[in-house]
């Protein structure tokens, strides 16, 4: 799909990967609708890029559908949906509050499903592209992040299933699987990233991968590409992977 002139809705656009995607697509000539919680950051992003902004708290019931309706009211169509918004939490599962678990499932899984359901009929009629920003945690599982990993695994399965369902339609589906990215995500989840390796990637690199996935109709993209290796090892040699994961984390 051509990015020039395309109407693109990006969730989680206040900062991090989402803000980088807005900048990247605006530079490519897209009409970007940037949705996020932080209205001050959105205003600065709009001044920088010319994007239209829509404040949205995707943890609320029906927030995805409401956001879709607002975007369609502005532009009458959405050609590309980038489901990027995500929240995390790190710590022992037994110590996780119910409200936090509900928020993770709502933002990371329920809202993308609502948004997709609301926008897909128009895309099936005109053509379009759905992008889902997953996580390597959803492919491998991560100790101390059980609910986050589960929400991203669910998003992954949803995207893969849609791809199979829409093969005869004019709607493409891409899943982007980032590793560690240098964003406020880790501070917000309650536990900073302390490992020396792998080093966090700049969010611009993920934004470039998302733009490339849209233009080239890529079904699946890992950022960085070497993340395919542990996923392959887990699939082919699960016992070996479990031993390595237990030793190195």
Foldseek 3Di string as FASTA:
>chain_A
DQLAAAEEEFEPCLWFLNVLLLQVSLVSHHAYEYEEADPVSVVVSCVVRVHHYDYFQQLDPPRLVVVLVVSCVVPVAHAEYALDDAAFAFAAPVPDDPSVLSSRLRNLAVNVVNNCVNHVVVCQVVAHEYEYEAELCLLPNDPRTRSNNVSRVNVVVVQVVVQVVCVVGRYFYAYEYEYAAPICRQVRNVHHDDDPPPDHHYSNVSSVVVVCCRVVRHHYHYVVPCSVVLSVCCVPPVVVSVVVNVVPD
